[in-house]
Structures are given as structure tokens and as C-alpha cells.
PDB file of N, CA and C in Angstrom:
ATOM      1  N   UNK A   1      43.526   9.976 -32.260  1.00  0.00           N
ATOM      2  CA  UNK A   1      43.243  11.434 -32.301  1.00  0.00           C
ATOM      3  C   UNK A   1      42.672  10.953 -33.935  1.00  0.00           C
ATOM      4  N   UNK A   2      42.939   9.635 -34.378  1.00  0.00           N
ATOM      5  CA  UNK A   2      41.819   9.327 -35.513  1.00  0.00           C
ATOM      6  C   UNK A   2      40.509   9.302 -36.025  1.00  0.00           C
ATOM      7  N   UNK A   3      40.239   8.694 -33.723  1.00  0.00           N
ATOM      8  CA  UNK A   3      39.235   8.789 -34.185  1.00  0.00           C
ATOM      9  C   UNK A   3      38.268   9.199 -33.873  1.00  0.00           C
ATOM     10  N   UNK A   4      38.568  10.745 -33.683  1.00  0.00           N
ATOM     11  CA  UNK A   4      37.734  12.276 -33.342  1.00  0.00           C
ATOM     12  C   UNK A   4      37.174  12.525 -35.122  1.00  0.00           C
ATOM     13  N   UNK A   5      37.852  12.464 -35.963  1.00  0.00           N
ATOM     14  CA  UNK A   5      37.503  12.551 -37.906  1.00  0.00           C
ATOM     15  C   UNK A   5      36.131  11.745 -38.437  1.00  0.00           C
ATOM     16  N   UNK A   6      35.899  10.175 -36.976  1.00  0.00           N
ATOM     17  CA  UNK A   6      34.804   9.953 -37.154  1.00  0.00           C
ATOM     18  C   UNK A   6      33.464  10.333 -35.905  1.00  0.00           C
ATOM     19  N   UNK A   7      34.123  10.163 -34.994  1.00  0.00           N
ATOM     20  CA  UNK A   7      33.637  10.738 -33.876  1.00  0.00           C
ATOM     21  C   UNK A   7      32.422  12.475 -33.621  1.00  0.00           C
ATOM     22  N   UNK A   8      32.804  12.925 -34.398  1.00  0.00           N
ATOM     23  CA  UNK A   8      32.802  14.330 -34.644  1.00  0.00           C
ATOM     24  C   UNK A   8      31.872  14.727 -35.263  1.00  0.00           C
ATOM     25  N   UNK A   9      31.670  13.371 -37.037  1.00  0.00           N
ATOM     26  CA  UNK A   9      30.600  14.039 -37.171  1.00  0.00           C
ATOM     27  C   UNK A   9      29.874  12.751 -37.208  1.00  0.00           C
ATOM     28  N   UNK A  10      29.408  11.707 -36.001  1.00  0.00           N
ATOM     29  CA  UNK A  10      28.420  10.918 -35.648  1.00  0.00           C
ATOM     30  C   UNK A  10      27.654  12.383 -34.911  1.00  0.00           C
ATOM     31  N   UNK A  11      28.746  12.213 -34.361  1.00  0.00           N
ATOM     32  CA  UNK A  11      27.393  13.372 -33.566  1.00  0.00           C
ATOM     33  C   UNK A  11      26.874  14.804 -33.879  1.00  0.00           C
ATOM     34  N   UNK A  12      27.291  15.261 -34.386  1.00  0.00           N
ATOM     35  CA  UNK A  12      26.998  16.366 -35.340  1.00  0.00           C
ATOM     36  C   UNK A  12      25.400  15.464 -35.495  1.00  0.00           C
ATOM     37  N   UNK A  13      25.786  14.578 -36.545  1.00  0.00           N
ATOM     38  CA  UNK A  13      24.879  13.488 -37.383  1.00  0.00           C
ATOM     39  C   UNK A  13      23.763  13.445 -36.691  1.00  0.00           C
ATOM     40  N   UNK A  14      24.683  13.148 -35.071  1.00  0.00           N
ATOM     41  CA  UNK A  14      23.174  12.932 -33.965  1.00  0.00           C
ATOM     42  C   UNK A  14      22.503  13.346 -33.775  1.00  0.00           C
ATOM     43  N   UNK A  15      23.046  14.634 -33.716  1.00  0.00           N
ATOM     44  CA  UNK A  15      21.918  15.545 -32.918  1.00  0.00           C
ATOM     45  C   UNK A  15      21.719  16.578 -34.137  1.00  0.00           C
ATOM     46  N   UNK A  16      21.379  16.256 -34.958  1.00  0.00           N
ATOM     47  CA  UNK A  16      20.482  16.843 -36.335  1.00  0.00           C
ATOM     48  C   UNK A  16      19.576  16.052 -36.057  1.00  0.00           C
ATOM     49  N   UNK A  17      19.687  14.061 -35.987  1.00  0.00           N
ATOM     50  CA  UNK A  17      18.721  14.054 -36.746  1.00  0.00           C
ATOM     51  C   UNK A  17      17.593  13.897 -35.112  1.00  0.00           C
ATOM     52  N   UNK A  18      17.930  14.544 -34.024  1.00  0.00           N
ATOM     53  CA  UNK A  18      17.459  14.622 -33.218  1.00  0.00           C
ATOM     54  C   UNK A  18      16.344  15.325 -33.438  1.00  0.00           C
ATOM     55  N   UNK A  19      16.670  17.366 -33.733  1.00  0.00           N
ATOM     56  CA  UNK A  19      16.037  18.086 -34.287  1.00  0.00           C
ATOM     57  C   UNK A  19      15.478  18.324 -34.722  1.00  0.00           C
ATOM     58  N   UNK A  20      15.426  17.557 -35.873  1.00  0.00           N
ATOM     59  CA  UNK A  20      14.996  16.820 -36.458  1.00  0.00           C
ATOM     60  C   UNK A  20      13.933  16.335 -35.898  1.00  0.00           C
ATOM     61  N   UNK A  21      13.894  15.125 -35.670  1.00  0.00           N
ATOM     62  CA  UNK A  21      12.411  14.398 -34.626  1.00  0.00           C
ATOM     63  C   UNK A  21      11.546  15.620 -33.993  1.00  0.00           C
ATOM     64  N   UNK A  22      12.388  16.319 -32.730  1.00  0.00           N
ATOM     65  CA  UNK A  22      11.950  17.228 -32.448  1.00  0.00           C
ATOM     66  C   UNK A  22      10.631  18.581 -32.813  1.00  0.00           C
ATOM     67  N   UNK A  23      11.302  19.114 -33.954  1.00  0.00           N
ATOM     68  CA  UNK A  23      10.556  19.420 -34.523  1.00  0.00           C
ATOM     69  C   UNK A  23       8.637  19.045 -35.461  1.00  0.00           C
ATOM     70  N   UNK A  24      10.113  17.172 -35.836  1.00  0.00           N
ATOM     71  CA  UNK A  24       8.708  17.262 -36.063  1.00  0.00           C
ATOM     72  C   UNK A  24       7.281  15.812 -35.537  1.00  0.00           C
ATOM     73  N   UNK A  25       7.806  15.998 -34.114  1.00  0.00           N
ATOM     74  CA  UNK A  25       6.773  16.414 -33.346  1.00  0.00           C
ATOM     75  C   UNK A  25       6.121  17.962 -32.800  1.00  0.00           C
ATOM     76  N   UNK A  26       7.226  18.710 -32.593  1.00  0.00           N
ATOM     77  CA  UNK A  26       5.807  19.555 -32.605  1.00  0.00           C
ATOM     78  C   UNK A  26       4.718  20.311 -33.910  1.00  0.00           C
ATOM     79  N   UNK A  27       5.443  19.878 -34.906  1.00  0.00           N
ATOM     80  CA  UNK A  27       4.012  20.206 -36.196  1.00  0.00           C
ATOM     81  C   UNK A  27       3.226  18.823 -35.990  1.00  0.00           C
ATOM     82  N   UNK A  28       3.484  18.344 -35.788  1.00  0.00           N
ATOM     83  CA  UNK A  28       2.804  16.995 -35.040  1.00  0.00           C
ATOM     84  C   UNK A  28       1.009  16.745 -34.193  1.00  0.00           C
ATOM     85  N   UNK A  29       2.055  17.739 -33.440  1.00  0.00           N
ATOM     86  CA  UNK A  29       0.260  17.886 -32.246  1.00  0.00           C
ATOM     87  C   UNK A  29       1.014  16.912 -31.375  1.00  0.00           C
ATOM     88  N   UNK A  30       2.586  16.780 -31.185  1.00  0.00           N
ATOM     89  CA  UNK A  30       3.064  15.460 -29.956  1.00  0.00           C
ATOM     90  C   UNK A  30       2.548  16.117 -28.862  1.00  0.00           C
ATOM     91  N   UNK A  31       2.984  17.550 -29.119  1.00  0.00           N
ATOM     92  CA  UNK A  31       3.463  18.005 -27.321  1.00  0.00           C
ATOM     93  C   UNK A  31       1.999  19.533 -26.978  1.00  0.00           C
ATOM     94  N   UNK A  32       1.087  19.613 -28.004  1.00  0.00           N
ATOM     95  CA  UNK A  32      -0.239  20.424 -27.807  1.00  0.00           C
ATOM     96  C   UNK A  32      -0.115  20.528 -26.349  1.00  0.00           C
ATOM     97  N   UNK A  33      -0.705  19.813 -25.881  1.00  0.00           N
ATOM     98  CA  UNK A  33      -1.893  19.289 -24.694  1.00  0.00           C
ATOM     99  C   UNK A  33      -1.163  18.932 -23.112  1.00  0.00           C
ATOM    100  N   UNK A  34       0.087  18.308 -23.018  1.00  0.00           N
ATOM    101  CA  UNK A  34       0.097  17.298 -22.056  1.00  0.00           C
ATOM    102  C   UNK A  34      -0.215  17.851 -20.571  1.00  0.00           C
ATOM    103  N   UNK A  35      -0.504  18.811 -19.590  1.00  0.00           N
ATOM    104  CA  UNK A  35      -1.125  18.399 -19.184  1.00  0.00           C
ATOM    105  C   UNK A  35      -2.945  17.619 -18.950  1.00  0.00           C
ATOM    106  N   UNK A  36      -3.717  17.091 -20.068  1.00  0.00           N
ATOM    107  CA  UNK A  36      -5.026  17.028 -20.372  1.00  0.00           C
ATOM    108  C   UNK A  36      -4.589  15.201 -19.903  1.00  0.00           C
ATOM    109  N   UNK A  37      -3.751  14.592 -20.133  1.00  0.00           N
ATOM    110  CA  UNK A  37      -3.329  13.282 -19.945  1.00  0.00           C
ATOM    111  C   UNK A  37      -2.698  12.700 -18.134  1.00  0.00           C
ATOM    112  N   UNK A  38      -2.501  13.258 -18.020  1.00  0.00           N
ATOM    113  CA  UNK A  38      -1.768  13.290 -16.744  1.00  0.00           C
ATOM    114  C   UNK A  38      -3.430  13.402 -15.594  1.00  0.00           C
ATOM    115  N   UNK A  39      -3.986  13.906 -15.949  1.00  0.00           N
ATOM    116  CA  UNK A  39      -5.460  14.671 -15.345  1.00  0.00           C
ATOM    117  C   UNK A  39      -6.349  13.826 -15.369  1.00  0.00           C
ATOM    118  N   UNK A  40      -6.109  13.027 -16.549  1.00  0.00           N
ATOM    119  CA  UNK A  40      -7.131  12.021 -17.074  1.00  0.00           C
ATOM    120  C   UNK A  40      -7.384  10.713 -16.499  1.00  0.00           C
ATOM    121  N   UNK A  41      -5.332  10.780 -15.844  1.00  0.00           N
ATOM    122  CA  UNK A  41      -4.783   9.439 -14.923  1.00  0.00           C
ATOM    123  C   UNK A  41      -6.149   9.770 -13.144  1.00  0.00           C
ATOM    124  N   UNK A  42      -6.176  10.617 -12.904  1.00  0.00           N
ATOM    125  CA  UNK A  42      -6.245  11.340 -12.222  1.00  0.00           C
ATOM    126  C   UNK A  42      -7.991  11.142 -11.545  1.00  0.00           C
ATOM    127  N   UNK A  43      -9.053  11.110 -12.436  1.00  0.00           N
ATOM    128  CA  UNK A  43     -10.710  11.554 -12.291  1.00  0.00           C
ATOM    129  C   UNK A  43     -10.992  10.282 -12.456  1.00  0.00           C
ATOM    130  N   UNK A  44     -12.336  10.027 -12.025  1.00  0.00           N
ATOM    131  CA  UNK A  44     -12.566   7.994 -11.434  1.00  0.00           C
ATOM    132  C   UNK A  44     -13.911   8.224 -12.337  1.00  0.00           C
ATOM    133  N   UNK A  45     -13.465   8.570 -13.836  1.00  0.00           N
ATOM    134  CA  UNK A  45     -14.969   8.395 -14.970  1.00  0.00           C
ATOM    135  C   UNK A  45     -15.392   6.608 -15.189  1.00  0.00           C
ATOM    136  N   UNK A  46     -16.423   5.865 -15.262  1.00  0.00           N
ATOM    137  CA  UNK A  46     -16.259   4.818 -15.284  1.00  0.00           C
ATOM    138  C   UNK A  46     -15.660   4.950 -16.642  1.00  0.00           C
ATOM    139  N   UNK A  47     -15.233   3.588 -16.839  1.00  0.00           N
ATOM    140  CA  UNK A  47     -14.924   3.574 -18.657  1.00  0.00           C
ATOM    141  C   UNK A  47     -16.408   2.910 -19.500  1.00  0.00           C
ATOM    142  N   UNK A  48     -16.233   4.182 -20.131  1.00  0.00           N
ATOM    143  CA  UNK A  48     -17.164   3.811 -21.581  1.00  0.00           C
ATOM    144  C   UNK A  48     -16.966   1.849 -22.638  1.00  0.00           C
ATOM    145  N   UNK A  49     -18.574   1.926 -23.081  1.00  0.00           N
ATOM    146  CA  UNK A  49     -18.384   0.597 -23.133  1.00  0.00           C
ATOM    147  C   UNK A  49     -19.071   0.719 -24.545  1.00  0.00           C
ATOM    148  N   UNK A  50     -19.511   0.106 -25.617  1.00  0.00           N
ATOM    149  CA  UNK A  50     -19.919   0.563 -26.717  1.00  0.00           C
ATOM    150  C   UNK A  50     -20.406  -1.086 -26.586  1.00  0.00           C
ATOM    151  N   UNK A  51     -22.022  -0.438 -27.205  1.00  0.00           N
ATOM    152  CA  UNK A  51     -22.336  -1.898 -27.355  1.00  0.00           C
ATOM    153  C   UNK A  51     -22.242  -3.624 -27.856  1.00  0.00           C
ATOM    154  N   UNK A  52     -20.647  -2.783 -28.752  1.00  0.00           N
ATOM    155  CA  UNK A  52     -20.884  -4.848 -29.054  1.00  0.00           C
ATOM    156  C   UNK A  52     -20.110  -4.687 -28.120  1.00  0.00           C
ATOM    157  N   UNK A  53     -19.009  -4.472 -26.654  1.00  0.00           N
ATOM    158  CA  UNK A  53     -18.190  -4.440 -26.616  1.00  0.00           C
ATOM    159  C   UNK A  53     -18.649  -4.739 -24.844  1.00  0.00           C
ATOM    160  N   UNK A  54     -19.713  -4.942 -25.052  1.00  0.00           N
ATOM    161  CA  UNK A  54     -20.387  -5.432 -23.284  1.00  0.00           C
ATOM    162  C   UNK A  54     -20.200  -5.860 -22.769  1.00  0.00           C
ATOM    163  N   UNK A  55     -19.185  -7.323 -23.238  1.00  0.00           N
ATOM    164  CA  UNK A  55     -18.457  -8.215 -22.413  1.00  0.00           C
ATOM    165  C   UNK A  55     -19.314 -10.149 -21.947  1.00  0.00           C
ATOM    166  N   UNK A  56     -19.987  -9.573 -23.081  1.00  0.00           N
ATOM    167  CA  UNK A  56     -20.568 -11.103 -23.089  1.00  0.00           C
ATOM    168  C   UNK A  56     -19.234 -12.534 -24.043  1.00  0.00           C
TER     169      UNK A  56
END
């Protein structure tokens, strides 16, 4: 029973931390356009190579 005095506050802190991290991800734009990356890997566009990365 005494372990509940430790586990309940730890779980509350963990949930609060997860909510803060999710809010940060929303605010910083991490979840703005999740469809674009899924479509990008399906396209067969050649990779663009800069002049200084010509493969020499």
C-alpha cells in the first residue's frame, strides 16, 4: 500500500511531461503536414545534386 504514495505522483508527473512534450510538438510545427512525407517517399524524382557534391 505504501508503494502507491510513490507510484501515483510519479504517474501524474509522467502524464504531465507527455502533455508538455505533445504541446511543444504542436507549437513547433512537428505535426503540420504529415501527409507530405508519406507522399515524398513514393515519388520517383531524382535527387538534386549540388555543384560541390558532383561525386568526384
